[in-house]
Amino acid sequence: RSPERRQPQQRQLDYTPAQAEQMRPLYEVSAAEPSFPRAATAIVAWQLAVALAEELYYRGFVESAGVLAISYPLRAAGVDVAAAGALPLVEGLPLLVSAALFGLVHAEFVEGAAAASHADDA
């Protein structure tokens, strides 16, 4: 007799509704492609597109708009921002606001992941 081999237990990914909606188009594209290289390319392209769009929005728009909003009144008043030592404020505050906004928008994903990991422990 051959010893019975235990099949590894497969776990299904648990997504929050927001995560599932975000991942739906990716699964539709990659599941329709039987070729691994093409499916992997689709996944990489999708992730790059999402990451690039977020980067452009949070760093390119939100942070840059904050820098302009803070520096414009100073420059209009004739203040040289770099010489006045205000550069950390002008550059740093919008960076913090942009990072906080990014974290706030993605808080549901972290909450859902924490809930799923605690459900696995039970």
PDB file of N, CA and C in Angstrom:
ATOM      1  N   ARG A   1       0.818  -1.191   0.000  1.00  0.00           N
ATOM      2  CA  ARG A   1       0.000   0.000   0.000  1.00  0.00           C
ATOM      3  C   ARG A   1       0.855   1.244   0.000  1.00  0.00           C
ATOM      4  N   SER A   2       0.405   2.171  -0.766  1.00  0.00           N
ATOM      5  CA  SER A   2       1.131   3.450  -0.743  1.00  0.00           C
ATOM      6  C   SER A   2       0.495   4.356   0.306  1.00  0.00           C
ATOM      7  N   PRO A   3       1.330   5.075   1.014  1.00  0.00           N
ATOM      8  CA  PRO A   3       0.767   5.961   2.036  1.00  0.00           C
ATOM      9  C   PRO A   3      -0.072   7.050   1.374  1.00  0.00           C
ATOM     10  N   GLU A   4      -1.145   7.402   2.045  1.00  0.00           N
ATOM     11  CA  GLU A   4      -2.027   8.436   1.503  1.00  0.00           C
ATOM     12  C   GLU A   4      -1.326   9.787   1.575  1.00  0.00           C
ATOM     13  N   ARG A   5      -1.444  10.487   0.503  1.00  0.00           N
ATOM     14  CA  ARG A   5      -0.860  11.828   0.475  1.00  0.00           C
ATOM     15  C   ARG A   5      -1.941  12.842   0.796  1.00  0.00           C
ATOM     16  N   ARG A   6      -1.587  13.705   1.671  1.00  0.00           N
ATOM     17  CA  ARG A   6      -2.543  14.756   2.037  1.00  0.00           C
ATOM     18  C   ARG A   6      -2.500  15.858   0.995  1.00  0.00           C
ATOM     19  N   GLN A   7      -3.647  16.240   0.556  1.00  0.00           N
ATOM     20  CA  GLN A   7      -3.748  17.347  -0.393  1.00  0.00           C
ATOM     21  C   GLN A   7      -3.603  18.655   0.378  1.00  0.00           C
ATOM     22  N   PRO A   8      -2.789  19.566  -0.147  1.00  0.00           N
ATOM     23  CA  PRO A   8      -2.670  20.845   0.542  1.00  0.00           C
ATOM     24  C   PRO A   8      -4.016  21.569   0.532  1.00  0.00           C
ATOM     25  N   GLN A   9      -4.311  22.173   1.638  1.00  0.00           N
ATOM     26  CA  GLN A   9      -5.584  22.882   1.764  1.00  0.00           C
ATOM     27  C   GLN A   9      -5.502  24.180   0.969  1.00  0.00           C
ATOM     28  N   GLN A  10      -6.457  24.369   0.086  1.00  0.00           N
ATOM     29  CA  GLN A  10      -6.488  25.596  -0.695  1.00  0.00           C
ATOM     30  C   GLN A  10      -7.375  26.607   0.010  1.00  0.00           C
ATOM     31  N   ARG A  11      -6.849  27.811   0.077  1.00  0.00           N
ATOM     32  CA  ARG A  11      -7.614  28.880   0.709  1.00  0.00           C
ATOM     33  C   ARG A  11      -8.082  29.841  -0.358  1.00  0.00           C
ATOM     34  N   GLN A  12      -9.316  30.214  -0.259  1.00  0.00           N
ATOM     35  CA  GLN A  12      -9.863  31.187  -1.189  1.00  0.00           C
ATOM     36  C   GLN A  12      -9.585  32.579  -0.635  1.00  0.00           C
ATOM     37  N   LEU A  13      -9.238  33.487  -1.513  1.00  0.00           N
ATOM     38  CA  LEU A  13      -8.988  34.852  -1.082  1.00  0.00           C
ATOM     39  C   LEU A  13     -10.301  35.516  -0.697  1.00  0.00           C
ATOM     40  N   ASP A  14     -10.287  36.169   0.426  1.00  0.00           N
ATOM     41  CA  ASP A  14     -11.464  36.912   0.873  1.00  0.00           C
ATOM     42  C   ASP A  14     -11.236  38.380   0.576  1.00  0.00           C
ATOM     43  N   TYR A  15     -12.111  38.963  -0.211  1.00  0.00           N
ATOM     44  CA  TYR A  15     -12.006  40.363  -0.565  1.00  0.00           C
ATOM     45  C   TYR A  15     -13.177  41.134   0.014  1.00  0.00           C
ATOM     46  N   THR A  16     -12.920  42.370   0.354  1.00  0.00           N
ATOM     47  CA  THR A  16     -14.017  43.271   0.698  1.00  0.00           C
ATOM     48  C   THR A  16     -14.731  43.595  -0.609  1.00  0.00           C
ATOM     49  N   PRO A  17     -15.944  44.126  -0.546  1.00  0.00           N
ATOM     50  CA  PRO A  17     -16.629  44.490  -1.796  1.00  0.00           C
ATOM     51  C   PRO A  17     -15.815  45.464  -2.655  1.00  0.00           C
ATOM     52  N   ALA A  18     -15.131  46.409  -2.036  1.00  0.00           N
ATOM     53  CA  ALA A  18     -14.326  47.374  -2.791  1.00  0.00           C
ATOM     54  C   ALA A  18     -13.142  46.682  -3.467  1.00  0.00           C
ATOM     55  N   GLN A  19     -12.502  45.764  -2.772  1.00  0.00           N
ATOM     56  CA  GLN A  19     -11.383  45.032  -3.357  1.00  0.00           C
ATOM     57  C   GLN A  19     -11.857  44.166  -4.515  1.00  0.00           C
ATOM     58  N   ALA A  20     -12.971  43.491  -4.325  1.00  0.00           N
ATOM     59  CA  ALA A  20     -13.496  42.616  -5.384  1.00  0.00           C
ATOM     60  C   ALA A  20     -13.828  43.417  -6.629  1.00  0.00           C
ATOM     61  N   GLU A  21     -14.408  44.588  -6.450  1.00  0.00           N
ATOM     62  CA  GLU A  21     -14.758  45.429  -7.597  1.00  0.00           C
ATOM     63  C   GLU A  21     -13.504  45.921  -8.312  1.00  0.00           C
ATOM     64  N   GLN A  22     -12.473  46.240  -7.551  1.00  0.00           N
ATOM     65  CA  GLN A  22     -11.228  46.701  -8.164  1.00  0.00           C
ATOM     66  C   GLN A  22     -10.549  45.563  -8.936  1.00  0.00           C
ATOM     67  N   MET A  23     -10.614  44.362  -8.429  1.00  0.00           N
ATOM     68  CA  MET A  23      -9.922  43.235  -9.049  1.00  0.00           C
ATOM     69  C   MET A  23     -10.722  42.573 -10.176  1.00  0.00           C
ATOM     70  N   ARG A  24     -12.026  42.822 -10.255  1.00  0.00           N
ATOM     71  CA  ARG A  24     -12.882  42.158 -11.239  1.00  0.00           C
ATOM     72  C   ARG A  24     -12.357  42.270 -12.672  1.00  0.00           C
ATOM     73  N   PRO A  25     -12.022  43.475 -13.178  1.00  0.00           N
ATOM     74  CA  PRO A  25     -11.535  43.538 -14.565  1.00  0.00           C
ATOM     75  C   PRO A  25     -10.239  42.752 -14.774  1.00  0.00           C
ATOM     76  N   LEU A  26      -9.378  42.748 -13.766  1.00  0.00           N
ATOM     77  CA  LEU A  26      -8.123  42.003 -13.885  1.00  0.00           C
ATOM     78  C   LEU A  26      -8.400  40.512 -14.035  1.00  0.00           C
ATOM     79  N   TYR A  27      -9.313  39.986 -13.224  1.00  0.00           N
ATOM     80  CA  TYR A  27      -9.637  38.565 -13.324  1.00  0.00           C
ATOM     81  C   TYR A  27     -10.296  38.237 -14.656  1.00  0.00           C
ATOM     82  N   GLU A  28     -11.130  39.144 -15.147  1.00  0.00           N
ATOM     83  CA  GLU A  28     -11.770  38.899 -16.437  1.00  0.00           C
ATOM     84  C   GLU A  28     -10.734  38.816 -17.556  1.00  0.00           C
ATOM     85  N   VAL A  29      -9.734  39.703 -17.518  1.00  0.00           N
ATOM     86  CA  VAL A  29      -8.699  39.709 -18.552  1.00  0.00           C
ATOM     87  C   VAL A  29      -7.798  38.496 -18.431  1.00  0.00           C
ATOM     88  N   SER A  30      -7.301  38.221 -17.223  1.00  0.00           N
ATOM     89  CA  SER A  30      -6.338  37.126 -17.066  1.00  0.00           C
ATOM     90  C   SER A  30      -6.994  35.753 -17.137  1.00  0.00           C
ATOM     91  N   ALA A  31      -8.222  35.614 -16.699  1.00  0.00           N
ATOM     92  CA  ALA A  31      -8.885  34.307 -16.739  1.00  0.00           C
ATOM     93  C   ALA A  31      -9.258  33.914 -18.161  1.00  0.00           C
ATOM     94  N   ALA A  32      -9.447  34.896 -19.020  1.00  0.00           N
ATOM     95  CA  ALA A  32      -9.821  34.598 -20.400  1.00  0.00           C
ATOM     96  C   ALA A  32      -8.620  34.160 -21.231  1.00  0.00           C
ATOM     97  N   GLU A  33      -7.420  34.304 -20.698  1.00  0.00           N
ATOM     98  CA  GLU A  33      -6.196  33.987 -21.442  1.00  0.00           C
ATOM     99  C   GLU A  33      -5.590  32.694 -20.910  1.00  0.00           C
ATOM    100  N   PRO A  34      -5.587  31.614 -21.717  1.00  0.00           N
ATOM    101  CA  PRO A  34      -5.044  30.341 -21.241  1.00  0.00           C
ATOM    102  C   PRO A  34      -3.510  30.303 -21.187  1.00  0.00           C
ATOM    103  N   SER A  35      -2.850  31.170 -21.917  1.00  0.00           N
ATOM    104  CA  SER A  35      -1.390  31.183 -21.960  1.00  0.00           C
ATOM    105  C   SER A  35      -0.838  31.932 -20.746  1.00  0.00           C
ATOM    106  N   PHE A  36       0.029  31.260 -19.967  1.00  0.00           N
ATOM    107  CA  PHE A  36       0.582  31.894 -18.771  1.00  0.00           C
ATOM    108  C   PHE A  36       1.346  33.190 -19.064  1.00  0.00           C
ATOM    109  N   PRO A  37       2.253  33.220 -20.058  1.00  0.00           N
ATOM    110  CA  PRO A  37       2.980  34.474 -20.312  1.00  0.00           C
ATOM    111  C   PRO A  37       2.052  35.638 -20.652  1.00  0.00           C
ATOM    112  N   ARG A  38       1.027  35.363 -21.432  1.00  0.00           N
ATOM    113  CA  ARG A  38       0.084  36.433 -21.777  1.00  0.00           C
ATOM    114  C   ARG A  38      -0.742  36.858 -20.568  1.00  0.00           C
ATOM    115  N   ALA A  39      -1.167  35.907 -19.760  1.00  0.00           N
ATOM    116  CA  ALA A  39      -1.930  36.240 -18.554  1.00  0.00           C
ATOM    117  C   ALA A  39      -1.060  37.033 -17.584  1.00  0.00           C
ATOM    118  N   ALA A  40       0.202  36.606 -17.426  1.00  0.00           N
ATOM    119  CA  ALA A  40       1.121  37.325 -16.534  1.00  0.00           C
ATOM    120  C   ALA A  40       1.381  38.734 -17.047  1.00  0.00           C
ATOM    121  N   THR A  41       1.526  38.880 -18.356  1.00  0.00           N
ATOM    122  CA  THR A  41       1.725  40.209 -18.942  1.00  0.00           C
ATOM    123  C   THR A  41       0.504  41.088 -18.695  1.00  0.00           C
ATOM    124  N   ALA A  42      -0.678  40.517 -18.819  1.00  0.00           N
ATOM    125  CA  ALA A  42      -1.905  41.276 -18.558  1.00  0.00           C
ATOM    126  C   ALA A  42      -1.960  41.734 -17.107  1.00  0.00           C
ATOM    127  N   ILE A  43      -1.571  40.857 -16.182  1.00  0.00           N
ATOM    128  CA  ILE A  43      -1.584  41.203 -14.759  1.00  0.00           C
ATOM    129  C   ILE A  43      -0.584  42.316 -14.467  1.00  0.00           C
ATOM    130  N   VAL A  44       0.629  42.191 -15.001  1.00  0.00           N
ATOM    131  CA  VAL A  44       1.662  43.216 -14.783  1.00  0.00           C
ATOM    132  C   VAL A  44       1.218  44.550 -15.373  1.00  0.00           C
ATOM    133  N   ALA A  45       0.681  44.524 -16.583  1.00  0.00           N
ATOM    134  CA  ALA A  45       0.227  45.758 -17.228  1.00  0.00           C
ATOM    135  C   ALA A  45      -0.897  46.402 -16.423  1.00  0.00           C
ATOM    136  N   TRP A  46      -1.810  45.590 -15.921  1.00  0.00           N
ATOM    137  CA  TRP A  46      -2.925  46.113 -15.124  1.00  0.00           C
ATOM    138  C   TRP A  46      -2.408  46.775 -13.847  1.00  0.00           C
ATOM    139  N   GLN A  47      -1.516  46.096 -13.148  1.00  0.00           N
ATOM    140  CA  GLN A  47      -0.995  46.643 -11.901  1.00  0.00           C
ATOM    141  C   GLN A  47      -0.202  47.923 -12.148  1.00  0.00           C
ATOM    142  N   LEU A  48       0.584  47.952 -13.222  1.00  0.00           N
ATOM    143  CA  LEU A  48       1.329  49.167 -13.551  1.00  0.00           C
ATOM    144  C   LEU A  48       0.389  50.313 -13.894  1.00  0.00           C
ATOM    145  N   ALA A  49      -0.678  50.011 -14.611  1.00  0.00           N
ATOM    146  CA  ALA A  49      -1.631  51.057 -14.980  1.00  0.00           C
ATOM    147  C   ALA A  49      -2.300  51.640 -13.739  1.00  0.00           C
ATOM    148  N   VAL A  50      -2.698  50.782 -12.814  1.00  0.00           N
ATOM    149  CA  VAL A  50      -3.345  51.260 -11.585  1.00  0.00           C
ATOM    150  C   VAL A  50      -2.347  52.045 -10.745  1.00  0.00           C
ATOM    151  N   ALA A  51      -1.152  51.509 -10.573  1.00  0.00           N
ATOM    152  CA  ALA A  51      -0.142  52.192  -9.757  1.00  0.00           C
ATOM    153  C   ALA A  51       0.266  53.524 -10.378  1.00  0.00           C
ATOM    154  N   LEU A  52       0.413  53.549 -11.689  1.00  0.00           N
ATOM    155  CA  LEU A  52       0.799  54.788 -12.362  1.00  0.00           C
ATOM    156  C   LEU A  52      -0.299  55.843 -12.236  1.00  0.00           C
ATOM    157  N   ALA A  53      -1.542  55.423 -12.385  1.00  0.00           N
ATOM    158  CA  ALA A  53      -2.649  56.368 -12.246  1.00  0.00           C
ATOM    159  C   ALA A  53      -2.706  56.946 -10.834  1.00  0.00           C
ATOM    160  N   GLU A  54      -2.536  56.098  -9.827  1.00  0.00           N
ATOM    161  CA  GLU A  54      -2.532  56.591  -8.446  1.00  0.00           C
ATOM    162  C   GLU A  54      -1.355  57.521  -8.193  1.00  0.00           C
ATOM    163  N   GLU A  55      -0.198  57.165  -8.698  1.00  0.00           N
ATOM    164  CA  GLU A  55       0.989  57.997  -8.514  1.00  0.00           C
ATOM    165  C   GLU A  55       0.801  59.359  -9.169  1.00  0.00           C
ATOM    166  N   LEU A  56       0.267  59.364 -10.377  1.00  0.00           N
ATOM    167  CA  LEU A  56       0.021  60.630 -11.067  1.00  0.00           C
ATOM    168  C   LEU A  56      -0.989  61.489 -10.312  1.00  0.00           C
ATOM    169  N   TYR A  57      -2.010  60.864  -9.763  1.00  0.00           N
ATOM    170  CA  TYR A  57      -3.018  61.634  -9.045  1.00  0.00           C
ATOM    171  C   TYR A  57      -2.482  62.183  -7.727  1.00  0.00           C
ATOM    172  N   TYR A  58      -1.952  61.302  -6.876  1.00  0.00           N
ATOM    173  CA  TYR A  58      -1.553  61.740  -5.540  1.00  0.00           C
ATOM    174  C   TYR A  58      -0.286  62.587  -5.543  1.00  0.00           C
ATOM    175  N   ARG A  59       0.712  62.206  -6.312  1.00  0.00           N
ATOM    176  CA  ARG A  59       1.953  62.981  -6.342  1.00  0.00           C
ATOM    177  C   ARG A  59       1.889  64.090  -7.386  1.00  0.00           C
ATOM    178  N   GLY A  60       1.348  63.769  -8.533  1.00  0.00           N
ATOM    179  CA  GLY A  60       1.331  64.734  -9.616  1.00  0.00           C
ATOM    180  C   GLY A  60       0.300  65.825  -9.458  1.00  0.00           C
ATOM    181  N   PHE A  61      -0.859  65.476  -8.922  1.00  0.00           N
ATOM    182  CA  PHE A  61      -1.916  66.478  -8.809  1.00  0.00           C
ATOM    183  C   PHE A  61      -2.072  66.996  -7.390  1.00  0.00           C
ATOM    184  N   VAL A  62      -2.383  66.122  -6.454  1.00  0.00           N
ATOM    185  CA  VAL A  62      -2.670  66.561  -5.090  1.00  0.00           C
ATOM    186  C   VAL A  62      -1.460  67.253  -4.467  1.00  0.00           C
ATOM    187  N   GLU A  63      -0.309  66.616  -4.533  1.00  0.00           N
ATOM    188  CA  GLU A  63       0.881  67.195  -3.906  1.00  0.00           C
ATOM    189  C   GLU A  63       1.319  68.478  -4.618  1.00  0.00           C
ATOM    190  N   SER A  64       1.335  68.463  -5.944  1.00  0.00           N
ATOM    191  CA  SER A  64       1.746  69.657  -6.688  1.00  0.00           C
ATOM    192  C   SER A  64       0.786  70.818  -6.470  1.00  0.00           C
ATOM    193  N   ALA A  65      -0.509  70.524  -6.430  1.00  0.00           N
ATOM    194  CA  ALA A  65      -1.490  71.579  -6.166  1.00  0.00           C
ATOM    195  C   ALA A  65      -1.289  72.161  -4.769  1.00  0.00           C
ATOM    196  N   GLY A  66      -0.945  71.318  -3.811  1.00  0.00           N
ATOM    197  CA  GLY A  66      -0.664  71.806  -2.455  1.00  0.00           C
ATOM    198  C   GLY A  66       0.554  72.705  -2.413  1.00  0.00           C
ATOM    199  N   VAL A  67       1.594  72.310  -3.131  1.00  0.00           N
ATOM    200  CA  VAL A  67       2.808  73.142  -3.192  1.00  0.00           C
ATOM    201  C   VAL A  67       2.470  74.503  -3.790  1.00  0.00           C
ATOM    202  N   LEU A  68       1.719  74.491  -4.870  1.00  0.00           N
ATOM    203  CA  LEU A  68       1.331  75.758  -5.493  1.00  0.00           C
ATOM    204  C   LEU A  68       0.441  76.590  -4.577  1.00  0.00           C
ATOM    205  N   ALA A  69      -0.498  75.946  -3.897  1.00  0.00           N
ATOM    206  CA  ALA A  69      -1.410  76.675  -3.012  1.00  0.00           C
ATOM    207  C   ALA A  69      -0.674  77.343  -1.854  1.00  0.00           C
ATOM    208  N   ILE A  70       0.370  76.704  -1.356  1.00  0.00           N
ATOM    209  CA  ILE A  70       1.128  77.286  -0.245  1.00  0.00           C
ATOM    210  C   ILE A  70       2.148  78.301  -0.742  1.00  0.00           C
ATOM    211  N   SER A  71       2.813  78.001  -1.838  1.00  0.00           N
ATOM    212  CA  SER A  71       3.901  78.871  -2.292  1.00  0.00           C
ATOM    213  C   SER A  71       3.412  80.109  -3.037  1.00  0.00           C
ATOM    214  N   TYR A  72       2.259  80.040  -3.679  1.00  0.00           N
ATOM    215  CA  TYR A  72       1.798  81.187  -4.463  1.00  0.00           C
ATOM    216  C   TYR A  72       1.612  82.445  -3.621  1.00  0.00           C
ATOM    217  N   PRO A  73       0.906  82.371  -2.499  1.00  0.00           N
ATOM    218  CA  PRO A  73       0.767  83.595  -1.696  1.00  0.00           C
ATOM    219  C   PRO A  73       2.106  84.132  -1.186  1.00  0.00           C
ATOM    220  N   LEU A  74       3.027  83.226  -0.863  1.00  0.00           N
ATOM    221  CA  LEU A  74       4.345  83.664  -0.395  1.00  0.00           C
ATOM    222  C   LEU A  74       5.100  84.370  -1.515  1.00  0.00           C
ATOM    223  N   ARG A  75       5.071  83.775  -2.706  1.00  0.00           N
ATOM    224  CA  ARG A  75       5.761  84.405  -3.836  1.00  0.00           C
ATOM    225  C   ARG A  75       5.091  85.719  -4.238  1.00  0.00           C
ATOM    226  N   ALA A  76       3.762  85.766  -4.149  1.00  0.00           N
ATOM    227  CA  ALA A  76       3.047  87.002  -4.481  1.00  0.00           C
ATOM    228  C   ALA A  76       3.416  88.125  -3.510  1.00  0.00           C
ATOM    229  N   ALA A  77       3.753  87.743  -2.276  1.00  0.00           N
ATOM    230  CA  ALA A  77       4.169  88.734  -1.281  1.00  0.00           C
ATOM    231  C   ALA A  77       5.651  89.070  -1.403  1.00  0.00           C
ATOM    232  N   GLY A  78       6.328  88.458  -2.368  1.00  0.00           N
ATOM    233  CA  GLY A  78       7.735  88.742  -2.605  1.00  0.00           C
ATOM    234  C   GLY A  78       8.699  87.938  -1.759  1.00  0.00           C
ATOM    235  N   VAL A  79       8.224  86.878  -1.133  1.00  0.00           N
ATOM    236  CA  VAL A  79       9.077  86.049  -0.280  1.00  0.00           C
ATOM    237  C   VAL A  79       9.792  85.013  -1.147  1.00  0.00           C
ATOM    238  N   ASP A  80      11.115  84.934  -1.009  1.00  0.00           N
ATOM    239  CA  ASP A  80      11.870  83.872  -1.658  1.00  0.00           C
ATOM    240  C   ASP A  80      11.763  82.645  -0.743  1.00  0.00           C
ATOM    241  N   VAL A  81      10.983  81.678  -1.169  1.00  0.00           N
ATOM    242  CA  VAL A  81      10.648  80.519  -0.334  1.00  0.00           C
ATOM    243  C   VAL A  81      11.900  79.778   0.123  1.00  0.00           C
ATOM    244  N   ALA A  82      12.837  79.538  -0.779  1.00  0.00           N
ATOM    245  CA  ALA A  82      14.052  78.798  -0.435  1.00  0.00           C
ATOM    246  C   ALA A  82      14.922  79.596   0.527  1.00  0.00           C
ATOM    247  N   ALA A  83      15.073  80.893   0.287  1.00  0.00           N
ATOM    248  CA  ALA A  83      15.922  81.732   1.140  1.00  0.00           C
ATOM    249  C   ALA A  83      15.306  81.937   2.515  1.00  0.00           C
ATOM    250  N   ALA A  84      13.981  81.936   2.590  1.00  0.00           N
ATOM    251  CA  ALA A  84      13.306  82.158   3.865  1.00  0.00           C
ATOM    252  C   ALA A  84      13.282  80.903   4.726  1.00  0.00           C
ATOM    253  N   GLY A  85      13.739  79.797   4.195  1.00  0.00           N
ATOM    254  CA  GLY A  85      13.745  78.543   4.954  1.00  0.00           C
ATOM    255  C   GLY A  85      12.373  77.901   5.024  1.00  0.00           C
ATOM    256  N   ALA A  86      11.469  78.327   4.158  1.00  0.00           N
ATOM    257  CA  ALA A  86      10.107  77.792   4.172  1.00  0.00           C
ATOM    258  C   ALA A  86       9.938  76.588   3.257  1.00  0.00           C
ATOM    259  N   LEU A  87      11.020  76.176   2.610  1.00  0.00           N
ATOM    260  CA  LEU A  87      10.930  75.061   1.673  1.00  0.00           C
ATOM    261  C   LEU A  87      10.419  73.765   2.325  1.00  0.00           C
ATOM    262  N   PRO A  88      10.866  73.406   3.556  1.00  0.00           N
ATOM    263  CA  PRO A  88      10.308  72.196   4.178  1.00  0.00           C
ATOM    264  C   PRO A  88       8.791  72.277   4.376  1.00  0.00           C
ATOM    265  N   LEU A  89       8.294  73.464   4.715  1.00  0.00           N
ATOM    266  CA  LEU A  89       6.853  73.639   4.886  1.00  0.00           C
ATOM    267  C   LEU A  89       6.142  73.553   3.536  1.00  0.00           C
ATOM    268  N   VAL A  90       6.678  74.274   2.560  1.00  0.00           N
ATOM    269  CA  VAL A  90       6.044  74.329   1.243  1.00  0.00           C
ATOM    270  C   VAL A  90       6.050  72.962   0.559  1.00  0.00           C
ATOM    271  N   GLU A  91       7.107  72.200   0.718  1.00  0.00           N
ATOM    272  CA  GLU A  91       7.193  70.869   0.101  1.00  0.00           C
ATOM    273  C   GLU A  91       6.674  69.771   1.021  1.00  0.00           C
ATOM    274  N   GLY A  92       6.896  69.904   2.316  1.00  0.00           N
ATOM    275  CA  GLY A  92       6.572  68.831   3.256  1.00  0.00           C
ATOM    276  C   GLY A  92       5.107  68.712   3.592  1.00  0.00           C
ATOM    277  N   LEU A  93       4.444  69.830   3.807  1.00  0.00           N
ATOM    278  CA  LEU A  93       3.026  69.781   4.180  1.00  0.00           C
ATOM    279  C   LEU A  93       2.173  69.132   3.086  1.00  0.00           C
ATOM    280  N   PRO A  94       2.315  69.526   1.819  1.00  0.00           N
ATOM    281  CA  PRO A  94       1.540  68.826   0.786  1.00  0.00           C
ATOM    282  C   PRO A  94       1.869  67.334   0.675  1.00  0.00           C
ATOM    283  N   LEU A  95       3.131  66.973   0.930  1.00  0.00           N
ATOM    284  CA  LEU A  95       3.501  65.556   0.916  1.00  0.00           C
ATOM    285  C   LEU A  95       2.758  64.803   2.015  1.00  0.00           C
ATOM    286  N   LEU A  96       2.705  65.375   3.209  1.00  0.00           N
ATOM    287  CA  LEU A  96       1.990  64.733   4.315  1.00  0.00           C
ATOM    288  C   LEU A  96       0.489  64.636   4.033  1.00  0.00           C
ATOM    289  N   VAL A  97      -0.082  65.706   3.491  1.00  0.00           N
ATOM    290  CA  VAL A  97      -1.518  65.692   3.174  1.00  0.00           C
ATOM    291  C   VAL A  97      -1.813  64.652   2.090  1.00  0.00           C
ATOM    292  N   SER A  98      -0.966  64.598   1.067  1.00  0.00           N
ATOM    293  CA  SER A  98      -1.151  63.627  -0.006  1.00  0.00           C
ATOM    294  C   SER A  98      -1.042  62.196   0.521  1.00  0.00           C
ATOM    295  N   ALA A  99      -0.064  61.942   1.376  1.00  0.00           N
ATOM    296  CA  ALA A  99       0.110  60.594   1.953  1.00  0.00           C
ATOM    297  C   ALA A  99      -1.068  60.238   2.855  1.00  0.00           C
ATOM    298  N   ALA A 100      -1.557  61.208   3.629  1.00  0.00           N
ATOM    299  CA  ALA A 100      -2.708  60.955   4.505  1.00  0.00           C
ATOM    300  C   ALA A 100      -3.962  60.672   3.687  1.00  0.00           C
ATOM    301  N   LEU A 101      -4.153  61.419   2.614  1.00  0.00           N
ATOM    302  CA  LEU A 101      -5.300  61.185   1.742  1.00  0.00           C
ATOM    303  C   LEU A 101      -5.220  59.808   1.091  1.00  0.00           C
ATOM    304  N   PHE A 102      -4.028  59.434   0.631  1.00  0.00           N
ATOM    305  CA  PHE A 102      -3.828  58.102   0.054  1.00  0.00           C
ATOM    306  C   PHE A 102      -4.173  57.024   1.077  1.00  0.00           C
ATOM    307  N   GLY A 103      -3.682  57.178   2.295  1.00  0.00           N
ATOM    308  CA  GLY A 103      -3.977  56.205   3.346  1.00  0.00           C
ATOM    309  C   GLY A 103      -5.450  56.145   3.691  1.00  0.00           C
ATOM    310  N   LEU A 104      -6.105  57.293   3.724  1.00  0.00           N
ATOM    311  CA  LEU A 104      -7.533  57.341   4.035  1.00  0.00           C
ATOM    312  C   LEU A 104      -8.348  56.622   2.963  1.00  0.00           C
ATOM    313  N   VAL A 105      -7.995  56.852   1.706  1.00  0.00           N
ATOM    314  CA  VAL A 105      -8.709  56.210   0.601  1.00  0.00           C
ATOM    315  C   VAL A 105      -8.516  54.697   0.626  1.00  0.00           C
ATOM    316  N   HIS A 106      -7.330  54.237   1.059  1.00  0.00           N
ATOM    317  CA  HIS A 106      -7.030  52.804   1.055  1.00  0.00           C
ATOM    318  C   HIS A 106      -7.288  52.139   2.408  1.00  0.00           C
ATOM    319  N   ALA A 107      -7.872  52.844   3.355  1.00  0.00           N
ATOM    320  CA  ALA A 107      -8.108  52.281   4.694  1.00  0.00           C
ATOM    321  C   ALA A 107      -9.051  51.090   4.654  1.00  0.00           C
ATOM    322  N   GLU A 108     -10.020  51.101   3.742  1.00  0.00           N
ATOM    323  CA  GLU A 108     -10.957  49.982   3.654  1.00  0.00           C
ATOM    324  C   GLU A 108     -10.232  48.692   3.279  1.00  0.00           C
ATOM    325  N   PHE A 109      -9.198  48.797   2.411  1.00  0.00           N
ATOM    326  CA  PHE A 109      -8.456  47.607   2.017  1.00  0.00           C
ATOM    327  C   PHE A 109      -7.703  47.023   3.209  1.00  0.00           C
ATOM    328  N   VAL A 110      -7.121  47.875   4.026  1.00  0.00           N
ATOM    329  CA  VAL A 110      -6.382  47.412   5.200  1.00  0.00           C
ATOM    330  C   VAL A 110      -7.341  46.806   6.205  1.00  0.00           C
ATOM    331  N   GLU A 111      -8.492  47.452   6.420  1.00  0.00           N
ATOM    332  CA  GLU A 111      -9.500  46.938   7.337  1.00  0.00           C
ATOM    333  C   GLU A 111      -9.978  45.565   6.909  1.00  0.00           C
ATOM    334  N   GLY A 112     -10.263  45.419   5.603  1.00  0.00           N
ATOM    335  CA  GLY A 112     -10.741  44.136   5.081  1.00  0.00           C
ATOM    336  C   GLY A 112      -9.703  43.050   5.215  1.00  0.00           C
ATOM    337  N   ALA A 113      -8.441  43.378   4.984  1.00  0.00           N
ATOM    338  CA  ALA A 113      -7.370  42.392   5.096  1.00  0.00           C
ATOM    339  C   ALA A 113      -7.190  41.961   6.551  1.00  0.00           C
ATOM    340  N   ALA A 114      -7.302  42.917   7.468  1.00  0.00           N
ATOM    341  CA  ALA A 114      -7.167  42.582   8.889  1.00  0.00           C
ATOM    342  C   ALA A 114      -8.316  41.680   9.331  1.00  0.00           C
ATOM    343  N   ALA A 115      -9.525  41.977   8.874  1.00  0.00           N
ATOM    344  CA  ALA A 115     -10.677  41.150   9.246  1.00  0.00           C
ATOM    345  C   ALA A 115     -10.540  39.742   8.680  1.00  0.00           C
ATOM    346  N   ALA A 116     -10.054  39.629   7.448  1.00  0.00           N
ATOM    347  CA  ALA A 116      -9.884  38.308   6.844  1.00  0.00           C
ATOM    348  C   ALA A 116      -8.809  37.508   7.567  1.00  0.00           C
ATOM    349  N   SER A 117      -7.718  38.158   7.996  1.00  0.00           N
ATOM    350  CA  SER A 117      -6.663  37.414   8.681  1.00  0.00           C
ATOM    351  C   SER A 117      -7.122  36.974  10.063  1.00  0.00           C
ATOM    352  N   HIS A 118      -7.955  37.780  10.722  1.00  0.00           N
ATOM    353  CA  HIS A 118      -8.465  37.366  12.034  1.00  0.00           C
ATOM    354  C   HIS A 118      -9.476  36.218  11.883  1.00  0.00           C
ATOM    355  N   ALA A 119     -10.209  36.194  10.782  1.00  0.00           N
ATOM    356  CA  ALA A 119     -11.157  35.100  10.553  1.00  0.00           C
ATOM    357  C   ALA A 119     -10.412  33.793  10.316  1.00  0.00           C
ATOM    358  N   ASP A 120      -9.210  33.873   9.696  1.00  0.00           N
ATOM    359  CA  ASP A 120      -8.406  32.676   9.478  1.00  0.00           C
ATOM    360  C   ASP A 120      -7.875  32.099  10.779  1.00  0.00           C
ATOM    361  N   ASP A 121      -7.634  32.966  11.774  1.00  0.00           N
ATOM    362  CA  ASP A 121      -7.099  32.516  13.057  1.00  0.00           C
ATOM    363  C   ASP A 121      -8.138  31.753  13.871  1.00  0.00           C
ATOM    364  N   ALA A 122      -9.399  32.013  13.617  1.00  0.00           N
ATOM    365  CA  ALA A 122     -10.480  31.399  14.420  1.00  0.00           C
ATOM    366  C   ALA A 122     -10.697  29.952  14.070  1.00  0.00           C
TER     367      ALA A 122
END
